[in-house]
Amino acid sequence: MKTTLFGLSAALVTPYTASGDVDLKKLVTHAASVLTRGCDSVTLCGTTGEGYGLSLDERTAMQAALADGLPSGSRIQVGIMASAIDDAAAQSSAALDAGAAGLLLAPPFYMKGVDDDGLYTWFCRVFERIGAKLGGVIMYHIPGQTAVPLSLGLISRLRHAWPGVITGIKDSSGDWATAESFLAAHSDISVLVGDERLLPRAMAKGAEGSICGLANVAPELMLPVIHDADDGRVMSDLVNLIVSNPVIPAVKVLVGHLASDPGFDAVRAPLSDLDAGQKLKLVEAYDAIMAGT
């Protein structure tokens, strides 16, 4: 029986130095800020954090910096994004060895049209290689990026084979019917919603919160949705603004705007930065929305 909500986790943006390296100092400052503003945890190396493009050494350094720089007991999840079984297991083992509270585990994303049997075997091989430390796995359903959906049957099959290992599902499909089906079939674990606009409905149906990019910018707008049944109108307005732009660059621009630090703006290839006109239009629209709160 669940007794606590997962709550709100910021899918942290990854700041870079002028030379393109991860800016660890800025990462820690930003993580501390969102925790102070109410986030229950932070998630490294997710989609918003460009986790698909971070090396194992970078991941290890980022997690170590947060472990050293955040208050004791801060909860850190780590996104796992790899197509090779050994690479996914290596990312997972490094995160768990460094004290990660859980893993946000994406499926292998290069081959398309794979069946559940192949995915089941892939996940089992990853789990086997992680070994005795395995636990706290949140299955990451984000077919818009991976083009590899996670079916209800696949998750049920894995949960049966690996009891207690899978503790949650993050649904970033943006599709209400999909979110509702996860909530109905897996109500005994944490079902989390990535598209913040679906969060009010999902919380009413038993969701436990969100790991999301908007929590980098406006956790104060999300917390009432999770804890107090707020309708999330302003939150949805902000999401609509962000998704009208390339999403990851837009979130980073808004983080930099709030921190008065344009150094947050840069993204790593293959993404491209917003141009000056896009940034100005985005910031002005954000300020107008927030002025009405």
Protein backbone atom coordinates (compact mmCIF):
# COMPACT_ATOMS: atom_id res chain seq x y z
CA MET A 1 0.00 0.00 0.00
CA LYS A 2 1.46 3.37 -1.04
CA THR A 3 1.70 5.88 1.76
CA THR A 4 3.49 8.83 0.13
CA LEU A 5 3.41 10.67 -3.17
CA PHE A 6 6.42 10.74 -5.44
CA GLY A 7 5.76 14.47 -5.81
CA LEU A 8 7.54 16.87 -8.14
CA SER A 9 10.98 16.28 -9.64
CA ALA A 10 12.73 18.82 -11.85
CA ALA A 11 14.19 17.21 -14.96
CA LEU A 12 17.24 19.43 -14.59
CA VAL A 13 18.63 21.34 -17.54
CA THR A 14 22.34 20.79 -18.11
CA PRO A 15 24.32 24.07 -18.22
CA TYR A 16 27.53 24.29 -20.21
CA THR A 17 30.64 26.41 -19.97
CA ALA A 18 31.81 28.56 -22.87
CA SER A 19 34.03 25.67 -23.98
CA GLY A 20 31.08 23.26 -24.06
CA ASP A 21 31.84 21.28 -20.90
CA VAL A 22 29.16 20.68 -18.27
CA ASP A 23 29.16 23.61 -15.84
CA LEU A 24 29.05 21.71 -12.57
CA LYS A 25 28.93 24.78 -10.35
CA LYS A 26 25.96 26.21 -12.21
CA LEU A 27 24.25 22.80 -12.17
CA VAL A 28 24.48 22.59 -8.39
CA THR A 29 23.24 26.16 -7.92
CA HIS A 30 20.24 25.51 -10.14
CA ALA A 31 19.41 22.18 -8.46
CA ALA A 32 19.56 23.80 -5.03
CA SER A 33 17.25 26.55 -6.26
CA VAL A 34 14.48 24.24 -7.48
CA LEU A 35 14.66 22.20 -4.28
CA THR A 36 14.38 25.38 -2.23
CA ARG A 37 11.38 26.38 -4.32
CA GLY A 38 9.55 23.19 -3.42
CA CYS A 39 10.64 20.34 -5.69
CA ASP A 40 10.72 17.00 -3.87
CA SER A 41 13.66 15.76 -5.91
CA VAL A 42 15.75 16.39 -9.00
CA THR A 43 16.39 14.18 -12.01
CA LEU A 44 19.70 14.31 -13.85
CA CYS A 45 20.28 13.36 -17.47
CA GLY A 46 16.65 13.25 -18.54
CA THR A 47 15.36 14.52 -21.85
CA THR A 48 15.35 18.17 -20.72
CA GLY A 49 18.88 17.59 -19.42
CA GLU A 50 20.06 16.34 -22.83
CA GLY A 51 20.90 13.03 -21.22
CA TYR A 52 21.09 11.30 -24.59
CA GLY A 53 24.25 13.31 -25.34
CA LEU A 54 26.13 13.06 -22.02
CA SER A 55 29.06 10.69 -21.58
CA LEU A 56 29.40 8.30 -18.66
CA ASP A 57 32.26 10.42 -17.25
CA GLU A 58 30.10 13.56 -17.45
CA ARG A 59 27.19 11.80 -15.79
CA THR A 60 29.41 10.58 -12.95
CA ALA A 61 30.87 14.05 -12.39
CA MET A 62 27.41 15.65 -12.40
CA GLN A 63 26.01 13.25 -9.83
CA ALA A 64 29.08 13.63 -7.62
CA ALA A 65 28.77 17.42 -7.78
CA LEU A 66 25.13 17.28 -6.69
CA ALA A 67 25.88 14.79 -3.92
CA ASP A 68 28.56 17.14 -2.57
CA GLY A 69 26.70 20.40 -3.14
CA LEU A 70 23.10 19.68 -2.13
CA PRO A 71 21.77 19.24 1.39
CA SER A 72 22.20 15.77 2.86
CA GLY A 73 19.29 13.52 2.00
CA SER A 74 18.41 15.28 -1.26
CA ARG A 75 16.77 12.79 -3.62
CA ILE A 76 18.43 12.43 -7.03
CA GLN A 77 17.10 10.29 -9.87
CA VAL A 78 19.21 9.66 -12.96
CA GLY A 79 17.98 9.21 -16.53
CA ILE A 80 19.38 6.21 -18.40
CA MET A 81 19.54 6.52 -22.19
CA ALA A 82 21.44 3.97 -24.24
CA SER A 83 20.71 1.38 -26.90
CA ALA A 84 23.56 -1.01 -26.03
CA ILE A 85 22.75 -3.30 -23.12
CA ASP A 86 26.18 -2.87 -21.54
CA ASP A 87 26.02 0.93 -21.87
CA ALA A 88 22.59 1.11 -20.21
CA ALA A 89 23.82 -1.17 -17.43
CA ALA A 90 27.00 0.89 -16.98
CA GLN A 91 25.05 4.14 -16.70
CA SER A 92 22.67 2.50 -14.22
CA SER A 93 25.38 0.93 -12.08
CA ALA A 94 27.36 4.16 -11.90
CA ALA A 95 24.25 6.07 -10.81
CA LEU A 96 23.23 3.54 -8.17
CA ASP A 97 26.79 3.18 -6.85
CA ALA A 98 26.84 6.97 -6.37
CA GLY A 99 23.63 6.91 -4.34
CA ALA A 100 20.89 7.59 -6.88
CA ALA A 101 17.41 7.22 -5.43
CA GLY A 102 16.19 5.72 -8.68
CA LEU A 103 16.63 5.32 -12.42
CA LEU A 104 14.49 6.82 -15.18
CA LEU A 105 15.06 4.07 -17.74
CA ALA A 106 14.32 4.68 -21.41
CA PRO A 107 14.07 1.82 -23.92
CA PRO A 108 16.67 1.21 -26.64
CA PHE A 109 15.89 3.82 -29.26
CA TYR A 110 17.76 3.07 -32.48
CA MET A 111 15.76 0.17 -33.92
CA LYS A 112 12.07 0.87 -34.60
CA GLY A 113 9.17 -1.55 -34.80
CA VAL A 114 10.69 -3.96 -32.29
CA ASP A 115 8.27 -6.30 -30.53
CA ASP A 116 7.63 -6.80 -26.84
CA ASP A 117 9.65 -10.02 -26.76
CA GLY A 118 12.75 -8.19 -27.94
CA LEU A 119 12.21 -5.34 -25.51
CA TYR A 120 11.56 -7.77 -22.66
CA THR A 121 14.86 -9.51 -23.37
CA TRP A 122 16.72 -6.17 -23.58
CA PHE A 123 15.40 -4.94 -20.22
CA CYS A 124 16.07 -8.31 -18.57
CA ARG A 125 19.66 -8.30 -19.79
CA VAL A 126 20.16 -4.77 -18.46
CA PHE A 127 18.66 -5.74 -15.09
CA GLU A 128 20.85 -8.85 -14.90
CA ARG A 129 24.01 -6.83 -15.52
CA ILE A 130 23.11 -4.25 -12.86
CA GLY A 131 22.93 -7.05 -10.32
CA ALA A 132 22.13 -6.92 -6.62
CA LYS A 133 21.98 -3.12 -6.40
CA LEU A 134 19.07 -3.00 -8.87
CA GLY A 135 15.97 -1.10 -7.73
CA GLY A 136 13.96 2.07 -8.00
CA VAL A 137 13.39 1.74 -11.75
CA ILE A 138 10.94 4.17 -13.35
CA MET A 139 10.02 2.99 -16.84
CA TYR A 140 10.25 5.91 -19.28
CA HIS A 141 7.52 5.93 -21.92
CA ILE A 142 8.40 8.72 -24.37
CA PRO A 143 7.57 7.41 -27.84
CA GLY A 144 7.72 10.88 -29.41
CA GLN A 145 11.51 10.75 -28.90
CA THR A 146 12.37 7.05 -28.87
CA ALA A 147 9.68 5.80 -31.29
CA VAL A 148 9.71 2.72 -29.04
CA PRO A 149 6.52 2.61 -26.95
CA LEU A 150 6.27 0.62 -23.72
CA SER A 151 3.09 -1.46 -23.66
CA LEU A 152 1.02 -2.30 -20.61
CA GLY A 153 1.77 -5.94 -21.23
CA LEU A 154 5.52 -5.42 -21.38
CA ILE A 155 5.58 -3.54 -18.09
CA SER A 156 3.36 -6.15 -16.44
CA ARG A 157 5.60 -8.94 -17.70
CA LEU A 158 8.74 -7.23 -16.40
CA ARG A 159 7.12 -6.50 -13.04
CA HIS A 160 6.18 -10.15 -12.69
CA ALA A 161 9.69 -11.33 -13.57
CA TRP A 162 11.44 -8.71 -11.43
CA PRO A 163 9.21 -8.14 -8.38
CA GLY A 164 9.81 -4.88 -6.54
CA VAL A 165 12.34 -3.54 -9.08
CA ILE A 166 9.99 -1.31 -11.09
CA THR A 167 8.61 1.38 -8.80
CA GLY A 168 7.10 3.75 -11.34
CA ILE A 169 6.18 4.69 -14.89
CA LYS A 170 6.75 8.10 -16.43
CA ASP A 171 4.33 8.69 -19.27
CA SER A 172 5.55 11.41 -21.61
CA SER A 173 3.34 10.42 -24.53
CA GLY A 174 1.18 13.53 -24.12
CA ASP A 175 -1.83 11.29 -24.77
CA TRP A 176 -4.54 11.19 -22.10
CA ALA A 177 -5.82 7.73 -23.06
CA THR A 178 -2.33 6.32 -22.60
CA ALA A 179 -1.86 8.00 -19.23
CA GLU A 180 -5.26 6.77 -18.11
CA SER A 181 -4.42 3.19 -19.12
CA PHE A 182 -1.19 3.25 -17.12
CA LEU A 183 -3.08 4.59 -14.12
CA ALA A 184 -5.69 1.86 -14.37
CA ALA A 185 -3.26 -1.03 -14.90
CA HIS A 186 -0.45 -0.03 -12.54
CA SER A 187 -2.13 1.88 -9.73
CA ASP A 188 0.06 0.20 -7.11
CA ILE A 189 3.22 1.98 -8.30
CA SER A 190 4.02 5.63 -9.01
CA VAL A 191 2.53 6.76 -12.31
CA LEU A 192 4.06 10.10 -13.27
CA VAL A 193 3.06 12.46 -16.06
CA GLY A 194 5.58 14.22 -18.28
CA ASP A 195 3.14 16.48 -20.14
CA GLU A 196 2.25 18.96 -17.41
CA ARG A 197 -1.03 19.88 -19.11
CA LEU A 198 -2.39 16.41 -18.29
CA LEU A 199 -1.32 16.59 -14.66
CA PRO A 200 -4.57 17.91 -13.10
CA ARG A 201 -6.62 15.09 -14.64
CA ALA A 202 -3.97 12.53 -13.86
CA MET A 203 -3.71 13.53 -10.19
CA ALA A 204 -7.49 13.15 -9.89
CA LYS A 205 -7.11 9.59 -11.25
CA GLY A 206 -4.35 8.57 -8.84
CA ALA A 207 -1.11 9.82 -10.38
CA GLU A 208 1.73 10.56 -7.98
CA GLY A 209 3.28 13.63 -9.56
CA SER A 210 5.68 14.49 -12.33
CA ILE A 211 9.25 14.49 -13.54
CA CYS A 212 9.25 17.38 -15.97
CA GLY A 213 11.03 20.30 -17.58
CA LEU A 214 8.63 23.00 -16.36
CA ALA A 215 9.76 22.34 -12.78
CA ASN A 216 13.03 24.05 -13.75
CA VAL A 217 11.05 27.24 -14.31
CA ALA A 218 7.86 27.27 -12.26
CA PRO A 219 7.68 24.61 -9.53
CA GLU A 220 5.48 26.98 -7.53
CA LEU A 221 2.75 26.61 -10.17
CA MET A 222 2.99 22.83 -10.21
CA LEU A 223 2.98 22.08 -6.50
CA PRO A 224 -0.67 23.16 -5.98
CA VAL A 225 -1.70 20.90 -8.86
CA ILE A 226 -0.02 17.92 -7.21
CA HIS A 227 -0.99 18.61 -3.62
CA ASP A 228 -4.08 20.80 -3.67
CA ALA A 229 -6.09 19.84 -6.79
CA ASP A 230 -5.38 23.19 -8.50
CA ASP A 231 -6.67 23.28 -12.09
CA GLY A 232 -3.25 24.24 -13.46
CA ARG A 233 -4.51 26.91 -15.85
CA VAL A 234 -1.45 29.17 -15.69
CA MET A 235 0.83 26.11 -15.72
CA SER A 236 -0.81 24.99 -18.96
CA ASP A 237 -0.42 28.46 -20.46
CA LEU A 238 3.31 28.28 -19.78
CA VAL A 239 3.60 24.82 -21.30
CA ASN A 240 1.77 25.95 -24.43
CA LEU A 241 4.23 28.84 -24.72
CA ILE A 242 7.26 26.59 -24.28
CA VAL A 243 6.13 23.95 -26.78
CA SER A 244 5.54 26.65 -29.40
CA ASN A 245 9.35 26.83 -29.48
CA PRO A 246 12.03 24.12 -29.62
CA VAL A 247 11.37 22.82 -26.12
CA ILE A 248 14.78 22.20 -24.55
CA PRO A 249 16.34 25.48 -25.74
CA ALA A 250 13.21 27.34 -24.58
CA VAL A 251 13.35 25.89 -21.07
CA LYS A 252 17.03 26.80 -20.81
CA VAL A 253 16.39 30.37 -21.91
CA LEU A 254 13.71 30.75 -19.23
CA VAL A 255 16.00 29.26 -16.56
CA GLY A 256 18.64 31.81 -17.57
CA HIS A 257 16.07 34.60 -17.55
CA LEU A 258 15.03 33.79 -13.99
CA ALA A 259 18.65 33.47 -12.87
CA SER A 260 19.71 36.63 -14.76
CA ASP A 261 22.34 34.40 -16.36
CA PRO A 262 22.23 33.91 -20.14
CA GLY A 263 24.95 31.33 -19.72
CA PHE A 264 22.18 28.76 -19.23
CA ASP A 265 20.96 29.24 -22.81
CA ALA A 266 23.43 27.06 -24.69
CA VAL A 267 22.45 23.59 -25.88
CA ARG A 268 24.66 20.81 -27.18
CA ALA A 269 24.56 19.66 -30.81
CA PRO A 270 22.53 18.35 -32.53
CA LEU A 271 20.24 20.95 -30.92
CA SER A 272 20.59 24.62 -31.84
CA ASP A 273 20.23 27.68 -29.61
CA LEU A 274 17.26 29.98 -30.05
CA ASP A 275 18.15 33.14 -31.94
CA ALA A 276 17.99 36.57 -30.30
CA GLY A 277 14.53 37.32 -31.64
CA GLN A 278 13.11 34.02 -30.46
CA LYS A 279 14.60 34.54 -27.01
CA LEU A 280 13.17 38.02 -26.66
CA LYS A 281 9.70 36.96 -27.79
CA LEU A 282 9.75 33.97 -25.42
CA VAL A 283 10.85 35.99 -22.40
CA GLU A 284 8.32 38.75 -23.04
CA ALA A 285 5.51 36.20 -23.35
CA TYR A 286 6.65 34.43 -20.17
CA ASP A 287 6.72 37.71 -18.23
CA ALA A 288 3.22 38.57 -19.47
CA ILE A 289 1.82 35.23 -18.33
CA MET A 290 3.47 35.47 -14.93
CA ALA A 291 2.31 39.07 -14.46
CA GLY A 292 -1.24 37.75 -14.39
CA THR A 293 -0.66 35.32 -11.53
